[in-house]
Amino acid sequence: MADKIWIFNVDDFIYKSQALAVLKEHALTYLQILKPNDMCIVSPFTEKDEYFTAYTAAIKGLKHKKWMFQPKKHAKDESLIQAIMKDKALVGKIKNFCKHGFVLIPLKYTEEFQKLSKMCGNKLLNNSIAIQEANNKLRFKKLCKEFGIRTMQPVFERKDGKDKSHILAFINANETYLLRRPSSMGGYGNIAGKITDLLPLMRLFNKDGDFFIEKYKKVEKTLGSLCILKDDGAAFVGIDCQFPHREGWEGRFFPFKKFDKKILERIKEKSMLMAEYFHKKGVRGQVNFNWAITIKDGEYKLRGLECNSRYNGFGLCLRLAKTVFDIPQEKLHFYLDTNIAIDESYTTKDIIKIIFKINTGVKFKGGIVLTSAVKNGRMAMCFISTSPKNVQLLRLALKRAVKNIDLN
């Protein structure tokens, strides 16, 4: 496998008005993806915690003395990839790396990246049009219909040129709705509320692109399935259970097996059907499918939610388990919590010391990984081992060691 230079273009996950905030606060989450010989490119806007980056380099065994690069300038009105293309010195470095066998890979494959890839002589082939189809929630709903999968159908779609004044004809003031963006990722752009709560956001969304509205349905479980698409075909990895909050996700655990077998088999079957569809269109890499489990007349019902052709929390945790603890997917159990509240006196350095002490004391394979810097009394952790019992022991150890901690 070729060594990689990752572009952390999280700004392409979301609408423009929030892009810089996401680049600033969330880009370094994806350091988890790196293998020992890999490097990455981030925005100058990205907040860099020296203890967190040094910690990541250490646990990952990163071999290059300089493994993080950034363009000299990044204007607020341009994407990270546009900023890279304008930096001739950085483009020159990328070209040189590509000549020596490195492959340039973005978190999200876009038409802009395709231009940069050609500019640098990069040996990565992917179909940006098919990836856009995979990542678009409205197109995914249409695809689900073709494959016999029920979805949450929109009650209103705002597209360029459509008169938004008609929206009230579709809305009941007493019901709860979900306001969504067709192409946003990572939970950004998914907001639940009454129409009076959502109207101000709709005005903001309307300036920034398209949106649609669904009736909010009570969901018993939110599940994710992961498929890996390589040149020789598509493979099913497994199913995790996710923890949604009002505007995104707060974590997940894997594997998810103790549930209705027919539902789990249907998820696997439909995931592979769609994965093979995208594989034939030229999509490569990881493809994630999100599913809602609802109850109707006392029975579980399966609904397709969305598709993401990129690394998400599921894939990142698989990578962490393999690169940090050498635990393969077949033996893996993990619990990812991305919104842990702790006493605000703690720093990233403090938490790293605590984790190191816990990990050196356990008598089984696995441990705790800090997956974000500590900021304003918040942090993210992944608890990794080969059994659910060991994962729970790690969580209990952290709870005893950290003051005022609030674990999900």
Protein backbone atom coordinates (compact mmCIF):
# COMPACT_ATOMS: atom_id res chain seq x y z
CA MET A 1 0.00 0.00 0.00
CA ALA A 2 1.28 3.46 -0.92
CA ASP A 3 2.09 6.02 1.76
CA LYS A 4 -0.36 8.92 1.80
CA ILE A 5 -0.61 12.67 2.12
CA TRP A 6 -4.04 13.43 3.56
CA ILE A 7 -5.80 16.74 2.96
CA PHE A 8 -8.06 17.52 5.92
CA ASN A 9 -10.66 19.39 3.83
CA VAL A 10 -13.44 19.27 6.41
CA ASP A 11 -14.63 22.62 5.05
CA ASP A 12 -16.02 20.67 2.09
CA PHE A 13 -18.29 18.76 4.52
CA ILE A 14 -20.49 21.73 5.25
CA TYR A 15 -22.09 24.94 3.98
CA LYS A 16 -19.83 27.97 3.51
CA SER A 17 -20.99 30.04 6.50
CA GLN A 18 -19.73 27.34 8.90
CA ALA A 19 -16.71 26.09 6.93
CA LEU A 20 -14.04 28.09 8.75
CA ALA A 21 -15.38 27.15 12.18
CA VAL A 22 -15.25 23.46 11.25
CA LEU A 23 -11.71 23.81 9.85
CA LYS A 24 -10.66 25.57 13.02
CA GLU A 25 -12.16 23.20 15.57
CA HIS A 26 -12.51 19.74 14.01
CA ALA A 27 -9.80 19.14 11.40
CA LEU A 28 -7.30 17.56 13.80
CA THR A 29 -9.82 14.87 14.73
CA TYR A 30 -8.70 13.22 11.51
CA LEU A 31 -5.12 12.76 12.71
CA GLN A 32 -6.46 9.37 13.79
CA ILE A 33 -6.40 8.32 10.15
CA LEU A 34 -2.63 8.53 9.74
CA LYS A 35 -0.37 5.51 9.39
CA PRO A 36 3.36 5.64 10.36
CA ASN A 37 4.62 6.87 6.95
CA ASP A 38 1.69 9.21 6.24
CA MET A 39 1.62 13.03 6.28
CA CYS A 40 -1.20 15.58 6.23
CA ILE A 41 -2.12 19.09 5.04
CA VAL A 42 -4.25 21.35 7.23
CA SER A 43 -5.49 24.93 7.05
CA PRO A 44 -3.68 27.82 8.77
CA PHE A 45 -7.05 28.39 10.47
CA THR A 46 -6.89 24.98 12.18
CA GLU A 47 -6.24 25.20 15.93
CA LYS A 48 -3.14 23.19 16.79
CA ASP A 49 -2.61 21.87 20.32
CA GLU A 50 1.09 20.99 20.55
CA TYR A 51 0.53 18.31 23.19
CA PHE A 52 -2.24 16.64 21.18
CA THR A 53 -0.27 16.59 17.93
CA ALA A 54 2.85 15.27 19.71
CA TYR A 55 0.73 12.63 21.47
CA THR A 56 -0.83 11.52 18.16
CA ALA A 57 2.57 11.31 16.48
CA ALA A 58 3.85 9.17 19.37
CA ILE A 59 0.99 6.66 19.58
CA LYS A 60 0.83 6.38 15.79
CA GLY A 61 4.58 6.01 15.43
CA LEU A 62 4.77 8.72 12.76
CA LYS A 63 8.20 8.46 11.14
CA HIS A 64 8.65 11.76 9.33
CA LYS A 65 10.16 14.63 11.32
CA LYS A 66 7.83 17.03 9.47
CA TRP A 67 4.51 15.37 8.79
CA MET A 68 2.07 18.30 8.89
CA PHE A 69 1.98 21.01 6.19
CA GLN A 70 -0.24 24.00 5.46
CA PRO A 71 -0.59 26.61 2.71
CA LYS A 72 1.02 29.97 3.48
CA LYS A 73 -2.26 31.81 3.03
CA HIS A 74 -5.91 30.80 3.25
CA ALA A 75 -8.49 33.48 2.45
CA LYS A 76 -11.79 33.25 4.29
CA ASP A 77 -13.76 33.06 1.03
CA GLU A 78 -11.82 30.11 -0.43
CA SER A 79 -11.64 26.38 0.33
CA LEU A 80 -8.58 24.68 1.76
CA ILE A 81 -7.96 22.97 -1.58
CA GLN A 82 -8.12 26.32 -3.40
CA ALA A 83 -5.58 27.72 -0.93
CA ILE A 84 -3.27 24.76 -1.56
CA MET A 85 -3.47 25.23 -5.35
CA LYS A 86 -2.42 28.89 -4.97
CA ASP A 87 0.68 27.97 -2.92
CA LYS A 88 3.28 27.14 -5.60
CA ALA A 89 5.86 25.96 -3.06
CA LEU A 90 3.43 23.56 -1.41
CA VAL A 91 2.21 22.24 -4.78
CA GLY A 92 5.86 21.67 -5.70
CA LYS A 93 6.38 19.61 -2.52
CA ILE A 94 3.28 17.55 -3.26
CA LYS A 95 4.46 16.90 -6.83
CA ASN A 96 7.80 15.70 -5.49
CA PHE A 97 6.15 13.40 -2.97
CA CYS A 98 3.89 11.98 -5.69
CA LYS A 99 6.95 11.30 -7.89
CA HIS A 100 8.37 9.25 -5.02
CA GLY A 101 5.27 7.07 -4.66
CA PHE A 102 3.07 9.00 -2.22
CA VAL A 103 -0.65 9.26 -2.96
CA LEU A 104 -2.57 12.48 -2.21
CA ILE A 105 -5.99 11.76 -0.63
CA PRO A 106 -8.70 14.17 0.59
CA LEU A 107 -11.25 13.50 3.32
CA LYS A 108 -13.89 14.37 0.73
CA TYR A 109 -13.22 13.87 -2.98
CA THR A 110 -14.40 16.94 -4.93
CA GLU A 111 -14.00 18.41 -8.41
CA GLU A 112 -11.50 20.91 -6.97
CA PHE A 113 -9.45 18.06 -5.56
CA GLN A 114 -9.56 16.34 -8.95
CA LYS A 115 -7.90 19.45 -10.47
CA LEU A 116 -5.23 19.49 -7.74
CA SER A 117 -4.67 15.77 -8.19
CA LYS A 118 -3.99 16.18 -11.94
CA MET A 119 -1.80 19.21 -11.26
CA CYS A 120 0.42 17.13 -8.96
CA GLY A 121 0.61 13.95 -11.05
CA ASN A 122 -1.25 12.10 -8.31
CA LYS A 123 -2.02 8.41 -8.86
CA LEU A 124 -5.42 8.39 -7.22
CA LEU A 125 -8.42 7.71 -9.41
CA ASN A 126 -11.93 8.26 -8.15
CA ASN A 127 -15.19 9.44 -9.66
CA SER A 128 -16.04 12.84 -8.14
CA ILE A 129 -19.50 12.90 -9.78
CA ALA A 130 -20.41 9.49 -8.32
CA ILE A 131 -19.06 10.56 -4.91
CA GLN A 132 -21.22 13.69 -4.99
CA GLU A 133 -24.20 11.42 -5.73
CA ALA A 134 -23.29 9.18 -2.80
CA ASN A 135 -22.94 12.11 -0.41
CA ASN A 136 -26.18 13.87 -1.41
CA LYS A 137 -29.01 12.96 0.99
CA LEU A 138 -31.80 13.63 -1.50
CA ARG A 139 -30.17 11.52 -4.22
CA PHE A 140 -29.61 8.80 -1.62
CA LYS A 141 -33.34 8.76 -0.88
CA LYS A 142 -34.06 8.20 -4.58
CA LEU A 143 -31.49 5.42 -4.71
CA CYS A 144 -33.07 3.78 -1.67
CA LYS A 145 -36.40 3.75 -3.49
CA GLU A 146 -34.76 1.89 -6.40
CA PHE A 147 -33.37 -0.72 -4.00
CA GLY A 148 -36.59 -1.18 -2.02
CA ILE A 149 -35.45 0.69 1.09
CA ARG A 150 -37.85 2.93 3.01
CA THR A 151 -36.62 6.44 3.92
CA MET A 152 -37.83 9.58 5.70
CA GLN A 153 -39.38 11.46 2.77
CA PRO A 154 -39.09 15.29 2.68
CA VAL A 155 -42.21 17.38 3.16
CA PHE A 156 -40.47 20.39 1.59
CA GLU A 157 -37.39 20.94 -0.58
CA ARG A 158 -35.79 24.33 -1.12
CA LYS A 159 -33.91 24.44 -4.43
CA ASP A 160 -32.52 27.33 -6.42
CA GLY A 161 -35.40 29.17 -8.04
CA LYS A 162 -38.16 27.65 -5.91
CA ASP A 163 -40.44 30.09 -4.09
CA LYS A 164 -39.90 29.54 -0.37
CA SER A 165 -43.18 31.32 0.44
CA HIS A 166 -45.00 28.04 -0.27
CA ILE A 167 -43.32 26.34 2.69
CA LEU A 168 -46.15 27.03 5.14
CA ALA A 169 -48.55 25.03 2.97
CA PHE A 170 -46.60 21.89 3.90
CA ILE A 171 -46.01 22.57 7.61
CA ASN A 172 -48.03 21.94 10.79
CA ALA A 173 -47.07 24.39 13.55
CA ASN A 174 -47.56 21.75 16.26
CA GLU A 175 -45.27 19.10 14.73
CA THR A 176 -41.53 18.67 15.12
CA TYR A 177 -39.44 18.70 11.95
CA LEU A 178 -35.86 18.02 10.94
CA LEU A 179 -34.12 20.71 8.90
CA ARG A 180 -31.35 19.20 6.75
CA ARG A 181 -28.77 20.15 4.14
CA PRO A 182 -28.44 17.78 1.14
CA SER A 183 -24.64 17.63 1.09
CA SER A 184 -23.45 18.51 4.60
CA MET A 185 -21.66 15.78 6.57
CA GLY A 186 -20.76 14.74 10.08
CA GLY A 187 -24.20 15.71 11.39
CA TYR A 188 -23.71 19.39 10.46
CA GLY A 189 -26.90 20.82 9.01
CA ASN A 190 -29.29 18.40 10.79
CA ILE A 191 -31.40 20.39 13.24
CA ALA A 192 -34.68 19.35 14.90
CA GLY A 193 -37.38 21.71 16.17
CA LYS A 194 -40.81 23.30 15.73
CA ILE A 195 -41.29 25.46 12.65
CA THR A 196 -41.02 28.63 14.79
CA ASP A 197 -37.55 27.48 15.90
CA LEU A 198 -36.45 26.53 12.41
CA LEU A 199 -37.60 29.56 10.40
CA PRO A 200 -34.61 31.78 11.36
CA LEU A 201 -32.26 28.95 10.42
CA MET A 202 -34.07 28.43 7.13
CA ARG A 203 -33.40 32.07 6.24
CA LEU A 204 -29.71 31.48 6.97
CA PHE A 205 -29.67 28.18 5.06
CA ASN A 206 -31.47 29.80 2.13
CA LYS A 207 -28.60 32.29 1.68
CA ASP A 208 -26.11 29.44 1.77
CA GLY A 209 -27.69 26.90 -0.59
CA ASP A 210 -30.38 24.24 -0.64
CA PHE A 211 -32.19 22.58 2.26
CA PHE A 212 -35.08 20.22 2.87
CA ILE A 213 -37.45 19.42 5.72
CA GLU A 214 -38.60 16.04 7.03
CA LYS A 215 -41.14 15.16 9.67
CA TYR A 216 -39.27 14.26 12.83
CA LYS A 217 -39.87 10.64 13.75
CA LYS A 218 -38.99 8.96 17.03
CA VAL A 219 -36.01 6.72 16.34
CA GLU A 220 -35.26 3.75 18.59
CA LYS A 221 -31.75 3.18 17.26
CA THR A 222 -29.44 4.93 14.79
CA LEU A 223 -27.10 2.43 13.16
CA GLY A 224 -24.21 2.70 10.73
CA SER A 225 -22.87 0.14 8.28
CA LEU A 226 -19.46 0.30 6.65
CA CYS A 227 -18.30 -1.09 3.30
CA ILE A 228 -14.84 -0.86 1.78
CA LEU A 229 -14.57 -0.44 -1.98
CA LYS A 230 -11.31 -1.58 -3.60
CA ASP A 231 -10.43 -2.19 -7.22
CA ASP A 232 -11.32 -5.89 -6.91
CA GLY A 233 -14.76 -5.32 -5.36
CA ALA A 234 -16.76 -4.24 -2.31
CA ALA A 235 -16.61 -5.82 1.16
CA PHE A 236 -18.94 -5.46 4.14
CA VAL A 237 -17.18 -4.57 7.43
CA GLY A 238 -19.96 -4.45 10.04
CA ILE A 239 -22.55 -2.42 11.92
CA ASP A 240 -22.14 0.12 14.74
CA CYS A 241 -24.68 1.90 16.95
CA GLN A 242 -24.56 5.69 17.02
CA PHE A 243 -25.46 8.35 19.58
CA PRO A 244 -27.11 11.33 17.88
CA HIS A 245 -27.71 14.71 19.53
CA ARG A 246 -29.61 17.77 18.31
CA GLU A 247 -27.19 18.78 15.54
CA GLY A 248 -24.82 15.85 15.00
CA TRP A 249 -23.27 12.81 16.63
CA GLU A 250 -21.76 12.26 20.06
CA GLY A 251 -20.31 8.80 19.58
CA ARG A 252 -20.81 5.16 18.68
CA PHE A 253 -19.96 1.62 19.69
CA PHE A 254 -19.00 -1.49 17.72
CA PRO A 255 -19.95 -4.21 17.05
CA PHE A 256 -23.72 -4.00 17.18
CA LYS A 257 -25.02 -7.58 17.09
CA LYS A 258 -27.59 -8.04 19.86
CA PHE A 259 -30.66 -7.05 17.90
CA ASP A 260 -33.32 -8.39 15.54
CA LYS A 261 -31.38 -10.68 13.17
CA LYS A 262 -33.68 -9.96 10.21
CA ILE A 263 -33.03 -6.22 10.53
CA LEU A 264 -29.25 -6.73 10.77
CA GLU A 265 -29.24 -9.08 7.77
CA ARG A 266 -31.29 -6.58 5.77
CA ILE A 267 -28.81 -3.81 6.61
CA LYS A 268 -25.95 -5.99 5.39
CA GLU A 269 -27.82 -7.00 2.21
CA LYS A 270 -28.86 -3.46 1.28
CA SER A 271 -25.47 -1.99 2.19
CA MET A 272 -23.75 -4.38 -0.19
CA LEU A 273 -26.25 -3.69 -2.98
CA MET A 274 -25.58 0.05 -2.76
CA ALA A 275 -21.83 -0.42 -2.26
CA GLU A 276 -21.67 -2.51 -5.44
CA TYR A 277 -23.70 0.15 -7.26
CA PHE A 278 -21.18 2.85 -6.29
CA HIS A 279 -18.24 0.53 -6.98
CA LYS A 280 -19.41 0.09 -10.59
CA LYS A 281 -19.58 3.89 -10.88
CA GLY A 282 -15.92 4.17 -9.92
CA VAL A 283 -16.13 5.06 -6.22
CA ARG A 284 -13.26 3.70 -4.10
CA GLY A 285 -12.50 3.83 -0.38
CA GLN A 286 -14.90 3.70 2.55
CA VAL A 287 -18.65 4.12 2.12
CA ASN A 288 -20.86 4.48 5.20
CA PHE A 289 -24.62 4.05 5.34
CA ASN A 290 -26.74 5.39 8.21
CA TRP A 291 -29.98 3.68 9.23
CA ALA A 292 -32.90 4.54 11.52
CA ILE A 293 -34.79 1.86 13.45
CA THR A 294 -38.36 2.91 14.22
CA ILE A 295 -41.26 1.00 15.78
CA LYS A 296 -44.66 0.72 14.13
CA ASP A 297 -47.46 -1.54 15.42
CA GLY A 298 -45.02 -3.20 17.78
CA GLU A 299 -42.53 -4.13 15.02
CA TYR A 300 -39.10 -2.79 14.13
CA LYS A 301 -38.94 -0.90 10.83
CA LEU A 302 -35.77 -0.05 8.91
CA ARG A 303 -35.28 3.27 7.13
CA GLY A 304 -32.28 4.54 5.18
CA LEU A 305 -30.98 7.91 6.39
CA GLU A 306 -27.90 8.88 4.38
CA CYS A 307 -24.67 7.77 2.75
CA ASN A 308 -21.16 9.16 3.22
CA SER A 309 -18.35 8.26 0.86
CA ARG A 310 -15.49 9.12 3.23
CA TYR A 311 -13.91 8.16 6.55
CA ASN A 312 -16.24 8.74 9.48
CA GLY A 313 -16.01 7.80 13.18
CA PHE A 314 -16.48 4.10 12.39
CA GLY A 315 -13.57 3.95 9.96
CA LEU A 316 -11.36 6.15 12.14
CA CYS A 317 -11.82 3.84 15.13
CA LEU A 318 -10.95 0.81 13.01
CA ARG A 319 -7.76 2.60 11.97
CA LEU A 320 -6.92 3.52 15.58
CA ALA A 321 -7.40 -0.03 16.80
CA LYS A 322 -5.11 -1.44 14.13
CA THR A 323 -2.36 1.17 14.18
CA VAL A 324 -2.19 1.78 17.96
CA PHE A 325 -3.06 -1.63 19.46
CA ASP A 326 -2.77 -4.01 16.49
CA ILE A 327 -6.35 -5.21 16.99
CA PRO A 328 -7.98 -6.39 13.74
CA GLN A 329 -11.60 -5.63 12.93
CA GLU A 330 -12.65 -9.26 13.51
CA LYS A 331 -11.68 -9.05 17.21
CA LEU A 332 -12.45 -5.39 17.81
CA HIS A 333 -14.79 -3.79 20.34
CA PHE A 334 -14.78 -0.01 20.74
CA TYR A 335 -16.77 2.80 22.32
CA LEU A 336 -16.25 6.31 20.94
CA ASP A 337 -17.45 9.28 23.00
CA THR A 338 -16.90 12.64 21.31
CA ASN A 339 -18.43 14.95 23.91
CA ILE A 340 -17.06 14.10 27.36
CA ALA A 341 -17.49 16.84 29.97
CA ILE A 342 -14.73 17.20 32.57
CA ASP A 343 -13.52 19.75 35.10
CA GLU A 344 -12.28 22.83 33.20
CA SER A 345 -9.00 22.82 35.11
CA TYR A 346 -7.74 19.86 33.04
CA THR A 347 -5.44 20.40 30.08
CA THR A 348 -4.56 18.12 27.18
CA LYS A 349 -1.23 17.41 28.90
CA ASP A 350 -3.01 16.36 32.12
CA ILE A 351 -5.35 13.95 30.33
CA ILE A 352 -2.52 12.37 28.31
CA LYS A 353 -0.69 11.57 31.58
CA ILE A 354 -3.84 9.97 33.02
CA ILE A 355 -4.41 7.87 29.88
CA PHE A 356 -0.79 6.71 29.85
CA LYS A 357 -1.08 5.55 33.46
CA ILE A 358 -4.33 3.67 32.79
CA ASN A 359 -3.05 2.04 29.58
CA THR A 360 0.19 0.82 31.18
CA GLY A 361 -1.78 -0.71 34.05
CA VAL A 362 -4.30 -2.81 32.08
CA LYS A 363 -3.60 -6.52 31.67
CA PHE A 364 -5.45 -6.99 28.37
CA LYS A 365 -4.96 -5.84 24.79
CA GLY A 366 -6.25 -2.35 24.10
CA GLY A 367 -6.54 0.94 25.91
CA ILE A 368 -7.84 4.51 25.78
CA VAL A 369 -7.04 6.97 22.98
CA LEU A 370 -7.59 10.72 23.25
CA THR A 371 -9.15 11.68 19.91
CA SER A 372 -9.31 15.46 20.39
CA ALA A 373 -7.46 18.13 22.32
CA VAL A 374 -8.97 19.14 25.66
CA LYS A 375 -10.76 22.47 25.43
CA ASN A 376 -13.20 24.31 27.72
CA GLY A 377 -13.86 21.20 29.80
CA ARG A 378 -14.61 18.97 26.80
CA MET A 379 -12.73 16.12 25.13
CA ALA A 380 -13.23 13.03 22.96
CA MET A 381 -12.06 9.48 23.71
CA CYS A 382 -12.06 6.07 22.11
CA PHE A 383 -12.04 3.01 24.38
CA ILE A 384 -10.62 0.04 22.48
CA SER A 385 -10.21 -3.65 23.31
CA THR A 386 -11.23 -7.18 22.30
CA SER A 387 -14.34 -7.56 24.51
CA PRO A 388 -17.19 -5.34 25.78
CA LYS A 389 -16.14 -6.17 29.36
CA ASN A 390 -12.66 -4.73 28.78
CA VAL A 391 -14.08 -1.61 27.12
CA GLN A 392 -16.27 -1.05 30.18
CA LEU A 393 -13.27 -1.54 32.51
CA LEU A 394 -11.42 1.20 30.59
CA ARG A 395 -14.38 3.56 30.94
CA LEU A 396 -14.60 2.89 34.68
CA ALA A 397 -10.85 3.48 35.08
CA LEU A 398 -11.15 6.88 33.38
CA LYS A 399 -14.17 7.78 35.50
CA ARG A 400 -12.21 7.09 38.69
CA ALA A 401 -9.19 9.07 37.49
CA VAL A 402 -10.84 12.28 36.20
CA LYS A 403 -12.71 14.75 38.41
CA ASN A 404 -16.29 15.70 37.55
CA ILE A 405 -16.33 13.57 34.42
CA ASP A 406 -19.62 12.98 32.60
CA LEU A 407 -19.51 9.88 30.38
CA ASN A 408 -22.40 8.97 28.02
